[in-house]
Amino acid sequence: MLSFGGSLGAEEVNTAVIRLMAESTSKMSNVLHFHATGKRDWEASQKAFLEKGLQNCKNCTLVDYIYDMPIRMAAADVIICRAGAMTLSELALMKKAAVLIPSPNVNDNHQYLNAKTLADRGAALLVEETSLEEGSLTKAVATLLQDEEKRMALGREIEQFADRNANRRIWEQIRELTKKSNQGK
């Protein structure tokens, strides 16, 4: 399992994931849980991790930043993360089962809308940040860890959102925009 809130951090996500590790995943020897706190939240998260004795759990790892994200993401069966467009694109291309915790601190609440669209189509599980204290993350993760078919179904459904030609489309749009700007000179 891989979890992260972003390169800078997400305090509420970090708190909930460390609680999840302490109450659940640290007790599951068949689950490796790798969590990135983000640079800004590293010290506070590391302190909480140590206070809960998680440094003694061989299956729980806490880091400030993930430098090999493609490898970690490819290896994970379950991913806990925010719901930004780029992250969702990666999840879709890799067919990953995900628990999405949209950031409430973004313009027009677009991460919630992204996550809700996927959740409504059975392509991801949505956990709102406001419900993290109630144990909703632990319940969502337990569902995925106990039900391989559910994980596989989420992977199949999220793949429907993958755009395998995105690079070509972006390149064509750049070329078109470049032509238009050169013609105006």
N, C-alpha and C. Protein backbone atom coordinates (compact mmCIF):
# COMPACT_ATOMS: atom_id res chain seq x y z
N MET A 1 0.86 -1.17 0.00
CA MET A 1 0.00 0.00 0.00
C MET A 1 0.90 1.23 0.00
N LEU A 2 0.51 2.19 -0.81
CA LEU A 2 1.23 3.46 -0.93
C LEU A 2 0.28 4.58 -0.55
N SER A 3 0.77 5.52 0.26
CA SER A 3 -0.06 6.68 0.61
C SER A 3 0.79 7.93 0.61
N PHE A 4 0.14 9.02 0.18
CA PHE A 4 0.82 10.31 0.14
C PHE A 4 -0.24 11.40 0.00
N GLY A 5 0.15 12.61 0.41
CA GLY A 5 -0.79 13.73 0.32
C GLY A 5 -0.30 14.82 -0.60
N GLY A 6 0.93 14.75 -1.03
CA GLY A 6 1.50 15.76 -1.91
C GLY A 6 2.93 16.06 -1.50
N SER A 7 3.67 16.71 -2.38
CA SER A 7 5.09 16.94 -2.12
C SER A 7 5.34 17.86 -0.93
N LEU A 8 4.43 18.79 -0.68
CA LEU A 8 4.59 19.65 0.49
C LEU A 8 4.01 19.00 1.73
N GLY A 9 2.95 18.28 1.57
CA GLY A 9 2.33 17.60 2.70
C GLY A 9 0.86 17.90 2.79
N ALA A 10 0.19 17.14 3.63
CA ALA A 10 -1.23 17.30 3.89
C ALA A 10 -1.44 16.82 5.32
N GLU A 11 -1.49 17.75 6.24
CA GLU A 11 -1.50 17.43 7.66
C GLU A 11 -2.60 16.45 8.04
N GLU A 12 -3.82 16.69 7.57
CA GLU A 12 -4.94 15.80 7.93
C GLU A 12 -4.74 14.39 7.37
N VAL A 13 -4.22 14.30 6.16
CA VAL A 13 -3.96 12.99 5.57
C VAL A 13 -2.87 12.28 6.36
N ASN A 14 -1.80 12.99 6.70
CA ASN A 14 -0.71 12.39 7.47
C ASN A 14 -1.21 11.87 8.81
N THR A 15 -2.00 12.66 9.49
CA THR A 15 -2.53 12.25 10.80
C THR A 15 -3.38 10.99 10.65
N ALA A 16 -4.26 10.96 9.65
CA ALA A 16 -5.13 9.81 9.44
C ALA A 16 -4.34 8.57 9.03
N VAL A 17 -3.34 8.73 8.19
CA VAL A 17 -2.55 7.58 7.73
C VAL A 17 -1.72 7.02 8.87
N ILE A 18 -1.13 7.86 9.68
CA ILE A 18 -0.35 7.36 10.82
C ILE A 18 -1.27 6.63 11.80
N ARG A 19 -2.47 7.14 11.99
CA ARG A 19 -3.45 6.44 12.83
C ARG A 19 -3.81 5.09 12.19
N LEU A 20 -4.01 5.06 10.87
CA LEU A 20 -4.29 3.83 10.15
C LEU A 20 -3.15 2.82 10.35
N MET A 21 -1.92 3.29 10.23
CA MET A 21 -0.77 2.41 10.44
C MET A 21 -0.78 1.82 11.85
N ALA A 22 -1.00 2.68 12.85
CA ALA A 22 -0.96 2.23 14.24
C ALA A 22 -2.08 1.26 14.57
N GLU A 23 -3.27 1.54 14.07
CA GLU A 23 -4.45 0.73 14.43
C GLU A 23 -4.66 -0.48 13.52
N SER A 24 -4.08 -0.45 12.33
CA SER A 24 -4.44 -1.48 11.37
C SER A 24 -3.24 -2.08 10.64
N THR A 25 -2.65 -1.35 9.73
CA THR A 25 -1.67 -1.96 8.83
C THR A 25 -0.42 -2.47 9.55
N SER A 26 -0.05 -1.87 10.66
CA SER A 26 1.13 -2.36 11.39
C SER A 26 0.89 -3.77 11.93
N LYS A 27 -0.36 -4.15 12.06
CA LYS A 27 -0.73 -5.48 12.58
C LYS A 27 -0.92 -6.50 11.47
N MET A 28 -0.75 -6.09 10.24
CA MET A 28 -0.95 -6.97 9.09
C MET A 28 0.40 -7.28 8.46
N SER A 29 0.97 -8.40 8.80
CA SER A 29 2.31 -8.72 8.31
C SER A 29 2.35 -8.91 6.80
N ASN A 30 1.21 -9.17 6.18
CA ASN A 30 1.17 -9.37 4.73
C ASN A 30 0.99 -8.06 3.97
N VAL A 31 0.93 -6.92 4.67
CA VAL A 31 0.75 -5.62 4.03
C VAL A 31 1.97 -4.75 4.31
N LEU A 32 2.59 -4.28 3.24
CA LEU A 32 3.66 -3.29 3.37
C LEU A 32 3.04 -1.93 3.11
N HIS A 33 3.21 -1.01 4.03
CA HIS A 33 2.60 0.32 3.91
C HIS A 33 3.71 1.37 3.87
N PHE A 34 3.78 2.08 2.77
CA PHE A 34 4.81 3.10 2.52
C PHE A 34 4.10 4.45 2.41
N HIS A 35 4.43 5.39 3.31
CA HIS A 35 3.75 6.69 3.33
C HIS A 35 4.75 7.84 3.23
N ALA A 36 4.42 8.81 2.37
CA ALA A 36 5.21 10.04 2.24
C ALA A 36 4.44 11.19 2.86
N THR A 37 5.10 11.91 3.75
CA THR A 37 4.46 12.99 4.50
C THR A 37 4.48 14.34 3.79
N GLY A 38 5.43 14.52 2.89
CA GLY A 38 5.66 15.85 2.32
C GLY A 38 6.69 16.57 3.17
N LYS A 39 7.43 17.45 2.56
CA LYS A 39 8.53 18.14 3.24
C LYS A 39 8.05 18.97 4.44
N ARG A 40 6.97 19.72 4.25
CA ARG A 40 6.50 20.64 5.28
C ARG A 40 6.06 19.90 6.55
N ASP A 41 5.47 18.73 6.41
CA ASP A 41 4.90 18.00 7.54
C ASP A 41 5.81 16.89 8.08
N TRP A 42 7.01 16.79 7.56
CA TRP A 42 7.90 15.69 7.91
C TRP A 42 8.16 15.60 9.42
N GLU A 43 8.59 16.67 10.03
CA GLU A 43 8.97 16.61 11.45
C GLU A 43 7.80 16.22 12.35
N ALA A 44 6.66 16.85 12.17
CA ALA A 44 5.49 16.55 13.01
C ALA A 44 5.02 15.12 12.77
N SER A 45 5.03 14.68 11.53
CA SER A 45 4.59 13.32 11.20
C SER A 45 5.56 12.28 11.75
N GLN A 46 6.83 12.56 11.62
CA GLN A 46 7.84 11.63 12.14
C GLN A 46 7.70 11.51 13.66
N LYS A 47 7.44 12.60 14.33
CA LYS A 47 7.25 12.59 15.78
C LYS A 47 6.06 11.70 16.15
N ALA A 48 4.94 11.87 15.45
CA ALA A 48 3.74 11.06 15.70
C ALA A 48 4.02 9.58 15.42
N PHE A 49 4.73 9.32 14.35
CA PHE A 49 5.11 7.95 13.95
C PHE A 49 5.91 7.29 15.07
N LEU A 50 6.89 8.02 15.59
CA LEU A 50 7.74 7.50 16.67
C LEU A 50 6.96 7.33 17.97
N GLU A 51 6.09 8.29 18.27
CA GLU A 51 5.28 8.21 19.50
C GLU A 51 4.39 6.97 19.51
N LYS A 52 3.96 6.54 18.34
CA LYS A 52 3.10 5.36 18.25
C LYS A 52 3.92 4.07 18.14
N GLY A 53 5.26 4.19 18.19
CA GLY A 53 6.13 3.02 18.14
C GLY A 53 6.20 2.36 16.78
N LEU A 54 5.83 3.09 15.74
CA LEU A 54 5.77 2.50 14.41
C LEU A 54 7.15 2.25 13.79
N GLN A 55 8.18 2.86 14.35
CA GLN A 55 9.53 2.62 13.82
C GLN A 55 9.94 1.17 14.02
N ASN A 56 9.27 0.46 14.92
CA ASN A 56 9.56 -0.95 15.18
C ASN A 56 8.78 -1.90 14.26
N CYS A 57 7.91 -1.36 13.45
CA CYS A 57 7.10 -2.18 12.53
C CYS A 57 7.81 -2.26 11.18
N LYS A 58 8.23 -3.46 10.84
CA LYS A 58 8.98 -3.65 9.60
C LYS A 58 8.13 -3.42 8.35
N ASN A 59 6.81 -3.45 8.50
CA ASN A 59 5.95 -3.30 7.32
C ASN A 59 5.40 -1.88 7.15
N CYS A 60 5.83 -0.95 8.00
CA CYS A 60 5.39 0.45 7.88
C CYS A 60 6.61 1.34 7.70
N THR A 61 6.59 2.13 6.65
CA THR A 61 7.70 3.03 6.34
C THR A 61 7.17 4.44 6.16
N LEU A 62 7.87 5.38 6.77
CA LEU A 62 7.52 6.79 6.67
C LEU A 62 8.70 7.53 6.05
N VAL A 63 8.43 8.31 5.01
CA VAL A 63 9.46 9.12 4.36
C VAL A 63 8.90 10.52 4.12
N ASP A 64 9.78 11.47 3.88
CA ASP A 64 9.29 12.83 3.61
C ASP A 64 8.86 13.00 2.15
N TYR A 65 9.53 12.29 1.25
CA TYR A 65 9.28 12.48 -0.18
C TYR A 65 9.57 11.18 -0.91
N ILE A 66 8.83 10.91 -1.96
CA ILE A 66 9.04 9.70 -2.76
C ILE A 66 9.80 10.09 -4.03
N TYR A 67 11.03 9.61 -4.11
CA TYR A 67 11.88 9.94 -5.25
C TYR A 67 11.72 8.94 -6.40
N ASP A 68 11.12 7.80 -6.12
CA ASP A 68 10.92 6.77 -7.14
C ASP A 68 9.43 6.44 -7.27
N MET A 69 8.61 7.47 -7.42
CA MET A 69 7.16 7.32 -7.46
C MET A 69 6.67 6.30 -8.49
N PRO A 70 7.18 6.30 -9.73
CA PRO A 70 6.67 5.31 -10.69
C PRO A 70 6.85 3.87 -10.21
N ILE A 71 7.95 3.59 -9.56
CA ILE A 71 8.21 2.24 -9.06
C ILE A 71 7.28 1.92 -7.90
N ARG A 72 7.17 2.84 -6.96
CA ARG A 72 6.31 2.63 -5.78
C ARG A 72 4.85 2.47 -6.20
N MET A 73 4.41 3.32 -7.12
CA MET A 73 3.02 3.27 -7.56
C MET A 73 2.75 1.96 -8.30
N ALA A 74 3.67 1.54 -9.14
CA ALA A 74 3.49 0.29 -9.88
C ALA A 74 3.41 -0.90 -8.94
N ALA A 75 4.14 -0.88 -7.85
CA ALA A 75 4.17 -2.00 -6.91
C ALA A 75 2.95 -2.06 -6.00
N ALA A 76 2.27 -0.95 -5.81
CA ALA A 76 1.17 -0.89 -4.84
C ALA A 76 -0.11 -1.54 -5.37
N ASP A 77 -0.81 -2.22 -4.48
CA ASP A 77 -2.13 -2.75 -4.80
C ASP A 77 -3.21 -1.75 -4.43
N VAL A 78 -2.94 -0.93 -3.42
CA VAL A 78 -3.88 0.08 -2.95
C VAL A 78 -3.11 1.39 -2.78
N ILE A 79 -3.71 2.47 -3.24
CA ILE A 79 -3.08 3.79 -3.11
C ILE A 79 -4.06 4.73 -2.42
N ILE A 80 -3.54 5.44 -1.43
CA ILE A 80 -4.30 6.47 -0.72
C ILE A 80 -3.67 7.80 -1.11
N CYS A 81 -4.47 8.72 -1.66
CA CYS A 81 -3.88 9.97 -2.14
C CYS A 81 -4.93 11.05 -2.34
N ARG A 82 -4.48 12.23 -2.71
CA ARG A 82 -5.35 13.33 -3.08
C ARG A 82 -5.95 13.03 -4.45
N ALA A 83 -6.72 13.98 -4.98
CA ALA A 83 -7.43 13.74 -6.24
C ALA A 83 -7.13 14.80 -7.28
N GLY A 84 -5.85 15.17 -7.40
CA GLY A 84 -5.45 16.09 -8.45
C GLY A 84 -5.44 15.40 -9.81
N ALA A 85 -5.56 16.17 -10.85
CA ALA A 85 -5.69 15.61 -12.20
C ALA A 85 -4.51 14.74 -12.61
N MET A 86 -3.30 15.17 -12.34
CA MET A 86 -2.14 14.38 -12.76
C MET A 86 -2.07 13.05 -12.02
N THR A 87 -2.32 13.09 -10.73
CA THR A 87 -2.31 11.85 -9.95
C THR A 87 -3.38 10.89 -10.46
N LEU A 88 -4.56 11.41 -10.72
CA LEU A 88 -5.64 10.56 -11.22
C LEU A 88 -5.31 9.98 -12.59
N SER A 89 -4.64 10.76 -13.42
CA SER A 89 -4.21 10.25 -14.73
C SER A 89 -3.25 9.07 -14.56
N GLU A 90 -2.32 9.20 -13.63
CA GLU A 90 -1.37 8.12 -13.37
C GLU A 90 -2.08 6.88 -12.84
N LEU A 91 -3.01 7.08 -11.90
CA LEU A 91 -3.76 5.95 -11.35
C LEU A 91 -4.54 5.23 -12.46
N ALA A 92 -5.15 6.01 -13.35
CA ALA A 92 -5.94 5.42 -14.43
C ALA A 92 -5.06 4.62 -15.38
N LEU A 93 -3.93 5.19 -15.77
CA LEU A 93 -3.03 4.49 -16.68
C LEU A 93 -2.47 3.21 -16.07
N MET A 94 -2.29 3.22 -14.74
CA MET A 94 -1.73 2.05 -14.06
C MET A 94 -2.80 1.11 -13.51
N LYS A 95 -4.08 1.47 -13.68
CA LYS A 95 -5.21 0.64 -13.24
C LYS A 95 -5.15 0.35 -11.75
N LYS A 96 -4.97 1.38 -10.95
CA LYS A 96 -4.79 1.21 -9.51
C LYS A 96 -6.06 1.44 -8.71
N ALA A 97 -6.28 0.58 -7.74
CA ALA A 97 -7.36 0.77 -6.77
C ALA A 97 -6.93 1.90 -5.85
N ALA A 98 -7.81 2.88 -5.66
CA ALA A 98 -7.42 4.05 -4.88
C ALA A 98 -8.51 4.49 -3.91
N VAL A 99 -8.02 5.00 -2.79
CA VAL A 99 -8.86 5.72 -1.84
C VAL A 99 -8.47 7.17 -2.00
N LEU A 100 -9.38 7.99 -2.45
CA LEU A 100 -9.10 9.40 -2.74
C LEU A 100 -9.59 10.28 -1.60
N ILE A 101 -8.70 11.15 -1.14
CA ILE A 101 -9.03 12.13 -0.11
C ILE A 101 -8.80 13.50 -0.73
N PRO A 102 -9.83 14.07 -1.36
CA PRO A 102 -9.64 15.35 -2.06
C PRO A 102 -9.30 16.48 -1.10
N SER A 103 -8.41 17.34 -1.54
CA SER A 103 -8.06 18.51 -0.74
C SER A 103 -9.22 19.50 -0.77
N PRO A 104 -9.62 19.97 0.41
CA PRO A 104 -10.68 20.98 0.44
C PRO A 104 -10.13 22.39 0.21
N ASN A 105 -8.83 22.50 0.04
CA ASN A 105 -8.16 23.80 -0.06
C ASN A 105 -7.74 24.14 -1.47
N VAL A 106 -8.56 23.78 -2.45
CA VAL A 106 -8.23 24.06 -3.85
C VAL A 106 -9.36 24.86 -4.49
N ASN A 107 -9.03 25.54 -5.58
CA ASN A 107 -10.04 26.35 -6.29
C ASN A 107 -11.21 25.52 -6.75
N ASP A 108 -12.39 26.05 -6.56
CA ASP A 108 -13.64 25.46 -7.06
C ASP A 108 -13.86 24.01 -6.62
N ASN A 109 -13.18 23.62 -5.56
CA ASN A 109 -13.34 22.27 -5.01
C ASN A 109 -13.15 21.19 -6.09
N HIS A 110 -12.24 21.46 -7.04
CA HIS A 110 -12.09 20.56 -8.18
C HIS A 110 -11.62 19.16 -7.80
N GLN A 111 -10.85 19.01 -6.73
CA GLN A 111 -10.42 17.66 -6.36
C GLN A 111 -11.61 16.82 -5.89
N TYR A 112 -12.53 17.44 -5.18
CA TYR A 112 -13.73 16.71 -4.76
C TYR A 112 -14.53 16.28 -5.99
N LEU A 113 -14.68 17.18 -6.94
CA LEU A 113 -15.43 16.85 -8.15
C LEU A 113 -14.75 15.73 -8.93
N ASN A 114 -13.41 15.76 -8.99
CA ASN A 114 -12.67 14.68 -9.64
C ASN A 114 -12.94 13.35 -8.94
N ALA A 115 -12.78 13.34 -7.63
CA ALA A 115 -12.95 12.11 -6.84
C ALA A 115 -14.39 11.61 -6.91
N LYS A 116 -15.34 12.51 -6.85
CA LYS A 116 -16.76 12.12 -6.89
C LYS A 116 -17.11 11.49 -8.23
N THR A 117 -16.58 12.06 -9.31
CA THR A 117 -16.82 11.48 -10.63
C THR A 117 -16.34 10.04 -10.68
N LEU A 118 -15.15 9.79 -10.16
CA LEU A 118 -14.61 8.43 -10.16
C LEU A 118 -15.41 7.52 -9.23
N ALA A 119 -15.71 8.02 -8.04
CA ALA A 119 -16.46 7.21 -7.07
C ALA A 119 -17.84 6.84 -7.60
N ASP A 120 -18.50 7.79 -8.24
CA ASP A 120 -19.83 7.53 -8.80
C ASP A 120 -19.81 6.46 -9.88
N ARG A 121 -18.68 6.31 -10.55
CA ARG A 121 -18.54 5.31 -11.62
C ARG A 121 -17.90 4.01 -11.11
N GLY A 122 -17.70 3.91 -9.80
CA GLY A 122 -17.10 2.69 -9.24
C GLY A 122 -15.65 2.54 -9.57
N ALA A 123 -14.96 3.68 -9.78
CA ALA A 123 -13.55 3.67 -10.18
C ALA A 123 -12.61 4.04 -9.05
N ALA A 124 -13.12 4.42 -7.89
CA ALA A 124 -12.30 4.78 -6.73
C ALA A 124 -13.22 4.89 -5.52
N LEU A 125 -12.62 4.87 -4.35
CA LEU A 125 -13.36 5.14 -3.12
C LEU A 125 -13.07 6.57 -2.72
N LEU A 126 -14.08 7.29 -2.29
CA LEU A 126 -13.96 8.69 -1.89
C LEU A 126 -14.11 8.80 -0.38
N VAL A 127 -13.13 9.41 0.26
CA VAL A 127 -13.18 9.70 1.69
C VAL A 127 -12.91 11.19 1.84
N GLU A 128 -13.88 11.90 2.35
CA GLU A 128 -13.69 13.34 2.53
C GLU A 128 -12.84 13.61 3.76
N GLU A 129 -12.03 14.64 3.67
CA GLU A 129 -11.13 14.99 4.76
C GLU A 129 -11.88 15.21 6.08
N THR A 130 -13.08 15.76 5.99
CA THR A 130 -13.86 16.04 7.20
C THR A 130 -14.30 14.77 7.91
N SER A 131 -14.25 13.61 7.24
CA SER A 131 -14.67 12.36 7.88
C SER A 131 -13.50 11.50 8.35
N LEU A 132 -12.28 11.99 8.21
CA LEU A 132 -11.12 11.19 8.58
C LEU A 132 -11.10 10.85 10.07
N GLU A 133 -11.52 11.77 10.90
CA GLU A 133 -11.54 11.55 12.35
C GLU A 133 -12.47 10.40 12.72
N GLU A 134 -13.48 10.16 11.92
CA GLU A 134 -14.49 9.13 12.22
C GLU A 134 -14.05 7.73 11.81
N GLY A 135 -12.84 7.59 11.30
CA GLY A 135 -12.34 6.28 10.91
C GLY A 135 -12.74 5.84 9.52
N SER A 136 -13.20 6.77 8.70
CA SER A 136 -13.63 6.41 7.34
C SER A 136 -12.49 5.87 6.49
N LEU A 137 -11.28 6.36 6.71
CA LEU A 137 -10.14 5.86 5.94
C LEU A 137 -9.86 4.40 6.30
N THR A 138 -9.87 4.09 7.58
CA THR A 138 -9.63 2.71 8.01
C THR A 138 -10.66 1.77 7.42
N LYS A 139 -11.92 2.18 7.38
CA LYS A 139 -12.98 1.35 6.81
C LYS A 139 -12.77 1.13 5.31
N ALA A 140 -12.44 2.21 4.61
CA ALA A 140 -12.23 2.10 3.16
C ALA A 140 -11.06 1.19 2.84
N VAL A 141 -9.97 1.36 3.57
CA VAL A 141 -8.78 0.53 3.32
C VAL A 141 -9.07 -0.93 3.67
N ALA A 142 -9.76 -1.16 4.77
CA ALA A 142 -10.11 -2.54 5.15
C ALA A 142 -10.91 -3.21 4.05
N THR A 143 -11.85 -2.48 3.47
CA THR A 143 -12.66 -3.00 2.36
C THR A 143 -11.76 -3.47 1.23
N LEU A 144 -10.79 -2.66 0.85
CA LEU A 144 -9.93 -3.00 -0.28
C LEU A 144 -8.94 -4.11 0.04
N LEU A 145 -8.42 -4.10 1.26
CA LEU A 145 -7.45 -5.14 1.62
C LEU A 145 -8.11 -6.51 1.76
N GLN A 146 -9.37 -6.54 2.14
CA GLN A 146 -10.08 -7.81 2.35
C GLN A 146 -10.76 -8.32 1.09
N ASP A 147 -10.91 -7.48 0.08
CA ASP A 147 -11.71 -7.87 -1.08
C ASP A 147 -10.92 -7.65 -2.38
N GLU A 148 -10.23 -8.69 -2.80
CA GLU A 148 -9.41 -8.59 -4.01
C GLU A 148 -10.26 -8.26 -5.24
N GLU A 149 -11.46 -8.81 -5.32
CA GLU A 149 -12.33 -8.53 -6.47
C GLU A 149 -12.69 -7.05 -6.52
N LYS A 150 -12.93 -6.45 -5.37
CA LYS A 150 -13.24 -5.00 -5.32
C LYS A 150 -12.04 -4.20 -5.83
N ARG A 151 -10.84 -4.58 -5.39
CA ARG A 151 -9.63 -3.90 -5.88
C ARG A 151 -9.51 -4.02 -7.39
N MET A 152 -9.73 -5.21 -7.90
CA MET A 152 -9.62 -5.44 -9.34
C MET A 152 -10.68 -4.64 -10.09
N ALA A 153 -11.89 -4.61 -9.54
CA ALA A 153 -12.98 -3.87 -10.19
C ALA A 153 -12.67 -2.37 -10.24
N LEU A 154 -12.12 -1.83 -9.17
CA LEU A 154 -11.73 -0.41 -9.18
C LEU A 154 -10.67 -0.15 -10.24
N GLY A 155 -9.71 -1.06 -10.34
CA GLY A 155 -8.67 -0.92 -11.36
C GLY A 155 -9.23 -0.94 -12.77
N ARG A 156 -10.18 -1.84 -13.02
CA ARG A 156 -10.80 -1.90 -14.36
C ARG A 156 -11.59 -0.62 -14.65
N GLU A 157 -12.31 -0.14 -13.68
CA GLU A 157 -13.15 1.04 -13.90
C GLU A 157 -12.33 2.31 -14.05
N ILE A 158 -11.28 2.47 -13.25
CA ILE A 158 -10.48 3.70 -13.36
C ILE A 158 -9.73 3.74 -14.69
N GLU A 159 -9.42 2.56 -15.22
CA GLU A 159 -8.74 2.52 -16.52
C GLU A 159 -9.58 3.17 -17.62
N GLN A 160 -10.89 3.18 -17.46
CA GLN A 160 -11.76 3.81 -18.45
C GLN A 160 -11.50 5.31 -18.57
N PHE A 161 -10.86 5.89 -17.56
CA PHE A 161 -10.55 7.32 -17.56
C PHE A 161 -9.16 7.62 -18.12
N ALA A 162 -8.42 6.59 -18.46
CA ALA A 162 -7.06 6.77 -18.97
C ALA A 162 -7.08 7.29 -20.40
N ASP A 163 -6.22 8.24 -20.69
CA ASP A 163 -6.06 8.76 -22.05
C ASP A 163 -4.65 8.39 -22.51
N ARG A 164 -4.56 7.32 -23.24
CA ARG A 164 -3.26 6.81 -23.67
C ARG A 164 -2.64 7.66 -24.79
N ASN A 165 -3.41 8.58 -25.35
CA ASN A 165 -2.89 9.47 -26.40
C ASN A 165 -2.68 10.90 -25.91
N ALA A 166 -2.61 11.10 -24.63
CA ALA A 166 -2.49 12.45 -24.08
C ALA A 166 -1.22 13.16 -24.58
N ASN A 167 -0.11 12.45 -24.63
CA ASN A 167 1.14 13.09 -25.09
C ASN A 167 0.99 13.62 -26.51
N ARG A 168 0.42 12.81 -27.39
CA ARG A 168 0.25 13.21 -28.78
C ARG A 168 -0.69 14.42 -28.86
N ARG A 169 -1.80 14.39 -28.12
CA ARG A 169 -2.76 15.50 -28.16
C ARG A 169 -2.14 16.79 -27.64
N ILE A 170 -1.36 16.70 -26.59
CA ILE A 170 -0.70 17.89 -26.06
C ILE A 170 0.30 18.44 -27.07
N TRP A 171 1.08 17.54 -27.67
CA TRP A 171 2.06 17.95 -28.67
C TRP A 171 1.38 18.62 -29.86
N GLU A 172 0.28 18.07 -30.33
CA GLU A 172 -0.45 18.66 -31.46
C GLU A 172 -1.01 20.04 -31.10
N GLN A 173 -1.49 20.19 -29.88
CA GLN A 173 -1.99 21.50 -29.46
C GLN A 173 -0.87 22.53 -29.35
N ILE A 174 0.28 22.12 -28.87
CA ILE A 174 1.43 23.03 -28.80
C ILE A 174 1.84 23.45 -30.20
N ARG A 175 1.90 22.50 -31.12
CA ARG A 175 2.27 22.83 -32.50
C ARG A 175 1.27 23.79 -33.12
N GLU A 176 -0.01 23.56 -32.88
CA GLU A 176 -1.06 24.43 -33.42
C GLU A 176 -0.95 25.84 -32.83
N LEU A 177 -0.74 25.93 -31.54
CA LEU A 177 -0.59 27.24 -30.90
C LEU A 177 0.66 27.97 -31.39
N THR A 178 1.72 27.22 -31.59
CA THR A 178 2.96 27.81 -32.09
C THR A 178 2.77 28.35 -33.50
N LYS A 179 2.06 27.61 -34.35
CA LYS A 179 1.78 28.07 -35.70
C LYS A 179 0.99 29.39 -35.68
N LYS A 180 -0.03 29.43 -34.84
CA LYS A 180 -0.87 30.62 -34.76
C LYS A 180 -0.08 31.83 -34.26
N SER A 181 0.78 31.64 -33.28
CA SER A 181 1.55 32.78 -32.78
C SER A 181 2.58 33.26 -33.79
N ASN A 182 3.14 32.34 -34.60
CA ASN A 182 4.11 32.72 -35.63
C ASN A 182 3.42 33.40 -36.80
N GLN A 183 2.17 33.05 -37.10
CA GLN A 183 1.46 33.66 -38.21
C GLN A 183 1.08 35.11 -37.89
N GLY A 184 0.94 35.42 -36.63
CA GLY A 184 0.54 36.78 -36.24
C GLY A 184 1.69 37.78 -36.28
N LYS A 185 2.90 37.34 -36.58
CA LYS A 185 4.05 38.24 -36.58
C LYS A 185 4.33 38.80 -37.94
